[in-house]
């Protein structure tokens, strides 16, 4: 499953630099699939939809740092555990029960994001 940041976040910024997929954004920050990935231009998403990887998307939160589920791989293929959770001083990076994904799906997402 993907990781989410709860409203207990203190906006410390510790998690951002740890994410190998650039899936963590500051409050009120627009995001794009191409940010920190190999994705460019028109893409077919793993869900079957389509998007332009460079188009800016609306922020998921205006108050707290947030993780873009479509880019979160729980660090599979990079690390043994989610790095955001490992460095979070208030333990607000937790599994997102609304986005349960198998290890195979997470590894496929990693390959998709990084052109592997």
N, C-alpha and C. Protein backbone atom coordinates (compact mmCIF):
# COMPACT_ATOMS: atom_id res chain seq x y z
N UNK A 1 0.84 -1.18 0.00
CA UNK A 1 0.00 0.00 0.00
C UNK A 1 0.88 1.23 0.00
N UNK A 2 0.34 2.31 -0.44
CA UNK A 2 1.08 3.56 -0.44
C UNK A 2 1.16 4.10 0.99
N UNK A 3 1.97 5.10 1.16
CA UNK A 3 2.12 5.77 2.45
C UNK A 3 1.36 7.09 2.37
N UNK A 4 0.83 7.52 3.50
CA UNK A 4 0.19 8.84 3.57
C UNK A 4 0.78 9.60 4.75
N UNK A 5 0.61 10.91 4.72
CA UNK A 5 1.05 11.75 5.82
C UNK A 5 -0.21 12.24 6.54
N UNK A 6 -0.25 12.01 7.84
CA UNK A 6 -1.43 12.39 8.62
C UNK A 6 -1.38 13.87 9.00
N UNK A 7 -2.48 14.34 9.56
CA UNK A 7 -2.55 15.74 9.97
C UNK A 7 -1.73 16.03 11.22
N UNK A 8 -1.01 15.04 11.71
CA UNK A 8 -0.08 15.27 12.82
C UNK A 8 1.27 15.80 12.32
N UNK A 9 1.40 15.94 11.01
CA UNK A 9 2.63 16.44 10.39
C UNK A 9 2.97 17.82 10.95
N UNK A 10 4.26 18.01 11.27
CA UNK A 10 4.73 19.30 11.78
C UNK A 10 5.46 20.10 10.68
N UNK A 11 5.35 19.63 9.44
CA UNK A 11 5.95 20.31 8.28
C UNK A 11 7.45 20.54 8.47
N UNK A 12 8.14 19.52 8.94
CA UNK A 12 9.57 19.65 9.23
C UNK A 12 10.45 19.48 8.00
N UNK A 13 9.91 18.85 6.93
CA UNK A 13 10.66 18.71 5.68
C UNK A 13 11.63 17.54 5.68
N UNK A 14 11.70 16.74 6.73
CA UNK A 14 12.67 15.65 6.81
C UNK A 14 12.43 14.59 5.74
N UNK A 15 11.19 14.36 5.38
CA UNK A 15 10.84 13.27 4.47
C UNK A 15 11.11 13.57 3.00
N UNK A 16 11.04 14.83 2.61
CA UNK A 16 11.08 15.19 1.19
C UNK A 16 12.33 14.68 0.49
N UNK A 17 13.48 14.93 1.04
CA UNK A 17 14.73 14.54 0.38
C UNK A 17 14.97 13.03 0.42
N UNK A 18 14.24 12.32 1.25
CA UNK A 18 14.41 10.87 1.36
C UNK A 18 13.66 10.09 0.31
N UNK A 19 12.68 10.70 -0.35
CA UNK A 19 11.81 9.98 -1.28
C UNK A 19 12.49 9.77 -2.64
N UNK A 20 12.72 8.52 -3.04
CA UNK A 20 13.38 8.26 -4.31
C UNK A 20 12.49 8.51 -5.52
N UNK A 21 11.20 8.71 -5.30
CA UNK A 21 10.26 8.94 -6.40
C UNK A 21 9.78 10.38 -6.49
N UNK A 22 10.30 11.24 -5.62
CA UNK A 22 9.85 12.62 -5.55
C UNK A 22 8.32 12.67 -5.44
N UNK A 23 7.79 11.87 -4.53
CA UNK A 23 6.34 11.77 -4.35
C UNK A 23 5.83 12.64 -3.20
N UNK A 24 6.72 13.32 -2.50
CA UNK A 24 6.32 14.12 -1.33
C UNK A 24 6.46 15.59 -1.67
N UNK A 25 5.40 16.33 -1.37
CA UNK A 25 5.35 17.74 -1.72
C UNK A 25 4.98 18.59 -0.52
N UNK A 26 5.41 19.85 -0.59
CA UNK A 26 5.07 20.82 0.46
C UNK A 26 3.59 21.16 0.40
N UNK A 27 3.04 21.65 1.51
CA UNK A 27 1.63 22.06 1.50
C UNK A 27 1.38 23.07 0.38
N UNK A 28 0.26 22.90 -0.29
CA UNK A 28 -0.21 23.82 -1.34
C UNK A 28 0.68 23.84 -2.58
N UNK A 29 1.56 22.83 -2.75
CA UNK A 29 2.44 22.78 -3.91
C UNK A 29 1.81 21.91 -5.01
N UNK A 30 1.80 22.44 -6.24
CA UNK A 30 1.36 21.63 -7.38
C UNK A 30 2.42 20.57 -7.64
N UNK A 31 1.98 19.44 -8.26
CA UNK A 31 2.91 18.36 -8.54
C UNK A 31 2.70 17.87 -9.97
N UNK A 32 3.68 17.13 -10.47
CA UNK A 32 3.59 16.55 -11.81
C UNK A 32 4.21 15.15 -11.78
N UNK A 33 3.70 14.28 -12.64
CA UNK A 33 4.27 12.93 -12.75
C UNK A 33 5.74 13.00 -13.12
N UNK A 34 6.14 14.00 -13.89
CA UNK A 34 7.52 14.10 -14.36
C UNK A 34 8.50 14.56 -13.28
N UNK A 35 8.02 15.12 -12.20
CA UNK A 35 8.92 15.59 -11.13
C UNK A 35 9.75 14.44 -10.58
N UNK A 36 11.05 14.46 -10.85
CA UNK A 36 11.95 13.46 -10.30
C UNK A 36 11.81 12.07 -10.87
N UNK A 37 11.15 11.94 -12.01
CA UNK A 37 10.98 10.63 -12.65
C UNK A 37 11.45 10.70 -14.10
N UNK A 38 11.35 9.59 -14.80
CA UNK A 38 11.71 9.55 -16.22
C UNK A 38 10.53 9.88 -17.12
N UNK A 39 9.37 10.13 -16.55
CA UNK A 39 8.16 10.37 -17.33
C UNK A 39 8.18 11.76 -17.96
N UNK A 40 7.80 11.81 -19.23
CA UNK A 40 7.72 13.07 -19.97
C UNK A 40 6.58 12.98 -20.97
N UNK A 41 5.94 14.10 -21.24
CA UNK A 41 4.90 14.18 -22.27
C UNK A 41 3.70 13.31 -21.96
N UNK A 42 2.99 12.90 -23.01
CA UNK A 42 1.78 12.09 -22.85
C UNK A 42 2.14 10.68 -22.40
N UNK A 43 1.45 10.22 -21.37
CA UNK A 43 1.72 8.89 -20.80
C UNK A 43 0.43 8.14 -20.59
N UNK A 44 0.52 6.83 -20.58
CA UNK A 44 -0.59 5.97 -20.18
C UNK A 44 -0.29 5.50 -18.77
N UNK A 45 -1.17 5.84 -17.86
CA UNK A 45 -0.98 5.49 -16.45
C UNK A 45 -1.18 4.00 -16.23
N UNK A 46 -0.62 3.49 -15.16
CA UNK A 46 -0.80 2.07 -14.83
C UNK A 46 -2.26 1.72 -14.60
N UNK A 47 -3.05 2.70 -14.21
CA UNK A 47 -4.48 2.49 -13.98
C UNK A 47 -5.26 2.41 -15.29
N UNK A 48 -4.58 2.71 -16.41
CA UNK A 48 -5.22 2.67 -17.72
C UNK A 48 -5.61 4.03 -18.24
N UNK A 49 -5.63 5.03 -17.40
CA UNK A 49 -5.94 6.39 -17.83
C UNK A 49 -4.77 7.01 -18.56
N UNK A 50 -4.93 8.25 -18.94
CA UNK A 50 -3.84 8.95 -19.61
C UNK A 50 -3.66 10.32 -18.98
N UNK A 51 -2.47 10.86 -19.16
CA UNK A 51 -2.14 12.18 -18.62
C UNK A 51 -0.93 12.71 -19.35
N UNK A 52 -0.69 13.98 -19.19
CA UNK A 52 0.56 14.56 -19.64
C UNK A 52 1.44 14.65 -18.40
N UNK A 53 2.57 13.98 -18.43
CA UNK A 53 3.45 13.89 -17.26
C UNK A 53 3.93 15.24 -16.77
N UNK A 54 3.96 16.23 -17.67
CA UNK A 54 4.48 17.54 -17.31
C UNK A 54 3.41 18.50 -16.79
N UNK A 55 2.13 18.14 -16.94
CA UNK A 55 1.05 19.00 -16.46
C UNK A 55 1.04 19.05 -14.94
N UNK A 56 0.89 20.25 -14.42
CA UNK A 56 0.82 20.43 -12.97
C UNK A 56 -0.56 20.01 -12.46
N UNK A 57 -0.55 19.27 -11.36
CA UNK A 57 -1.76 18.78 -10.72
C UNK A 57 -2.01 19.59 -9.45
N UNK A 58 -3.26 19.63 -9.03
CA UNK A 58 -3.62 20.38 -7.82
C UNK A 58 -3.00 19.74 -6.59
N UNK A 59 -2.64 20.56 -5.61
CA UNK A 59 -2.08 20.02 -4.37
C UNK A 59 -3.08 19.12 -3.65
N UNK A 60 -2.58 18.11 -2.98
CA UNK A 60 -3.44 17.20 -2.21
C UNK A 60 -3.73 17.75 -0.82
N UNK A 61 -2.98 18.74 -0.38
CA UNK A 61 -3.19 19.34 0.93
C UNK A 61 -2.72 20.79 0.91
N UNK A 62 -3.43 21.62 1.61
CA UNK A 62 -3.03 23.02 1.73
C UNK A 62 -2.36 23.32 3.06
N UNK A 63 -2.40 22.34 3.99
CA UNK A 63 -1.87 22.56 5.33
C UNK A 63 -0.63 21.75 5.68
N UNK A 64 -0.54 20.53 5.11
CA UNK A 64 0.52 19.61 5.50
C UNK A 64 1.23 19.06 4.27
N UNK A 65 2.46 18.61 4.48
CA UNK A 65 3.14 17.88 3.41
C UNK A 65 2.25 16.72 3.00
N UNK A 66 2.35 16.30 1.74
CA UNK A 66 1.52 15.20 1.27
C UNK A 66 2.30 14.31 0.32
N UNK A 67 1.83 13.07 0.23
CA UNK A 67 2.43 12.08 -0.66
C UNK A 67 1.46 11.81 -1.80
N UNK A 68 1.96 11.86 -3.02
CA UNK A 68 1.15 11.54 -4.20
C UNK A 68 1.12 10.03 -4.33
N UNK A 69 -0.04 9.45 -4.11
CA UNK A 69 -0.21 7.99 -4.13
C UNK A 69 0.28 7.38 -5.44
N UNK A 70 0.01 8.05 -6.55
CA UNK A 70 0.39 7.53 -7.86
C UNK A 70 1.90 7.44 -8.05
N UNK A 71 2.67 8.09 -7.18
CA UNK A 71 4.12 8.07 -7.29
C UNK A 71 4.78 7.31 -6.14
N UNK A 72 4.02 6.94 -5.12
CA UNK A 72 4.59 6.26 -3.95
C UNK A 72 4.73 4.76 -4.20
N UNK A 73 5.94 4.26 -3.99
CA UNK A 73 6.21 2.82 -4.13
C UNK A 73 6.63 2.20 -2.80
N UNK A 74 6.43 2.92 -1.71
CA UNK A 74 6.91 2.49 -0.39
C UNK A 74 8.40 2.22 -0.41
N UNK A 75 9.09 2.84 -1.34
CA UNK A 75 10.54 2.69 -1.53
C UNK A 75 10.95 1.30 -2.01
N UNK A 76 9.98 0.49 -2.46
CA UNK A 76 10.30 -0.85 -2.98
C UNK A 76 11.26 -0.70 -4.16
N UNK A 77 12.27 -1.54 -4.17
CA UNK A 77 13.28 -1.49 -5.22
C UNK A 77 14.40 -0.51 -4.93
N UNK A 78 14.24 0.28 -3.88
CA UNK A 78 15.26 1.24 -3.46
C UNK A 78 15.78 0.93 -2.06
N UNK A 79 14.84 0.72 -1.12
CA UNK A 79 15.19 0.52 0.28
C UNK A 79 14.32 -0.58 0.88
N UNK A 80 14.70 -1.06 2.05
CA UNK A 80 13.96 -2.12 2.73
C UNK A 80 12.70 -1.63 3.41
N UNK A 81 12.62 -0.32 3.65
CA UNK A 81 11.44 0.25 4.33
C UNK A 81 11.19 1.65 3.77
N UNK A 82 9.97 2.14 3.92
CA UNK A 82 9.68 3.51 3.47
C UNK A 82 10.55 4.52 4.22
N UNK A 83 11.33 5.27 3.47
CA UNK A 83 12.27 6.19 4.09
C UNK A 83 11.59 7.38 4.76
N UNK A 84 10.44 7.79 4.25
CA UNK A 84 9.73 8.90 4.90
C UNK A 84 9.35 8.51 6.32
N UNK A 85 8.85 7.29 6.49
CA UNK A 85 8.46 6.83 7.82
C UNK A 85 9.69 6.67 8.73
N UNK A 86 10.80 6.26 8.15
CA UNK A 86 12.01 6.05 8.94
C UNK A 86 12.57 7.34 9.52
N UNK A 87 12.39 8.46 8.81
CA UNK A 87 12.97 9.72 9.28
C UNK A 87 11.97 10.65 9.96
N UNK A 88 10.70 10.32 9.90
CA UNK A 88 9.67 11.21 10.46
C UNK A 88 9.76 11.29 11.98
N UNK A 89 9.97 12.48 12.53
CA UNK A 89 10.12 12.60 13.98
C UNK A 89 8.82 12.46 14.77
N UNK A 90 7.68 12.54 14.09
CA UNK A 90 6.39 12.43 14.80
C UNK A 90 5.56 11.24 14.32
N UNK A 91 6.18 10.36 13.55
CA UNK A 91 5.52 9.13 13.07
C UNK A 91 4.19 9.40 12.36
N UNK A 92 4.18 10.39 11.48
CA UNK A 92 2.95 10.69 10.76
C UNK A 92 2.95 10.13 9.33
N UNK A 93 4.00 9.45 8.91
CA UNK A 93 4.03 8.77 7.61
C UNK A 93 3.62 7.32 7.87
N UNK A 94 2.40 7.01 7.50
CA UNK A 94 1.81 5.72 7.85
C UNK A 94 1.21 5.05 6.61
N UNK A 95 0.99 3.73 6.65
CA UNK A 95 0.35 3.06 5.51
C UNK A 95 -1.03 3.65 5.22
N UNK A 96 -1.31 3.81 3.95
CA UNK A 96 -2.60 4.35 3.51
C UNK A 96 -3.54 3.19 3.21
N UNK A 97 -4.43 2.91 4.14
CA UNK A 97 -5.34 1.77 4.03
C UNK A 97 -6.30 1.90 2.84
N UNK A 98 -6.41 3.09 2.26
CA UNK A 98 -7.27 3.28 1.09
C UNK A 98 -6.55 2.99 -0.22
N UNK A 99 -5.27 2.70 -0.16
CA UNK A 99 -4.48 2.42 -1.37
C UNK A 99 -3.56 1.23 -1.11
N UNK A 100 -4.15 0.06 -0.97
CA UNK A 100 -3.40 -1.17 -0.72
C UNK A 100 -2.88 -1.70 -2.06
N UNK A 101 -1.57 -1.93 -2.13
CA UNK A 101 -0.94 -2.45 -3.34
C UNK A 101 0.05 -3.55 -2.97
N UNK A 102 0.13 -4.57 -3.81
CA UNK A 102 1.06 -5.66 -3.56
C UNK A 102 2.48 -5.20 -3.89
N UNK A 103 3.46 -5.98 -3.45
CA UNK A 103 4.85 -5.66 -3.77
C UNK A 103 5.08 -5.66 -5.28
N UNK A 104 4.44 -6.61 -6.00
CA UNK A 104 4.58 -6.65 -7.45
C UNK A 104 4.08 -5.36 -8.10
N UNK A 105 2.95 -4.86 -7.62
CA UNK A 105 2.38 -3.62 -8.16
C UNK A 105 3.30 -2.44 -7.84
N UNK A 106 3.83 -2.40 -6.63
CA UNK A 106 4.73 -1.32 -6.25
C UNK A 106 6.01 -1.34 -7.08
N UNK A 107 6.55 -2.52 -7.35
CA UNK A 107 7.74 -2.64 -8.19
C UNK A 107 7.45 -2.26 -9.64
N UNK A 108 6.26 -2.59 -10.13
CA UNK A 108 5.86 -2.20 -11.48
C UNK A 108 5.73 -0.68 -11.55
N UNK A 109 5.21 -0.06 -10.51
CA UNK A 109 5.09 1.39 -10.45
C UNK A 109 6.48 2.03 -10.47
N UNK A 110 7.42 1.46 -9.72
CA UNK A 110 8.80 1.96 -9.72
C UNK A 110 9.39 1.92 -11.13
N UNK A 111 9.21 0.78 -11.81
CA UNK A 111 9.73 0.63 -13.16
C UNK A 111 9.08 1.64 -14.12
N UNK A 112 7.79 1.85 -13.97
CA UNK A 112 7.06 2.82 -14.79
C UNK A 112 7.60 4.22 -14.57
N UNK A 113 7.77 4.61 -13.33
CA UNK A 113 8.21 5.96 -13.00
C UNK A 113 9.63 6.25 -13.48
N UNK A 114 10.47 5.23 -13.46
CA UNK A 114 11.89 5.45 -13.74
C UNK A 114 12.37 4.85 -15.07
N UNK A 115 11.42 4.44 -15.90
CA UNK A 115 11.76 3.97 -17.25
C UNK A 115 12.57 2.71 -17.29
N UNK A 116 12.28 1.80 -16.39
CA UNK A 116 13.07 0.55 -16.32
C UNK A 116 12.35 -0.58 -17.01
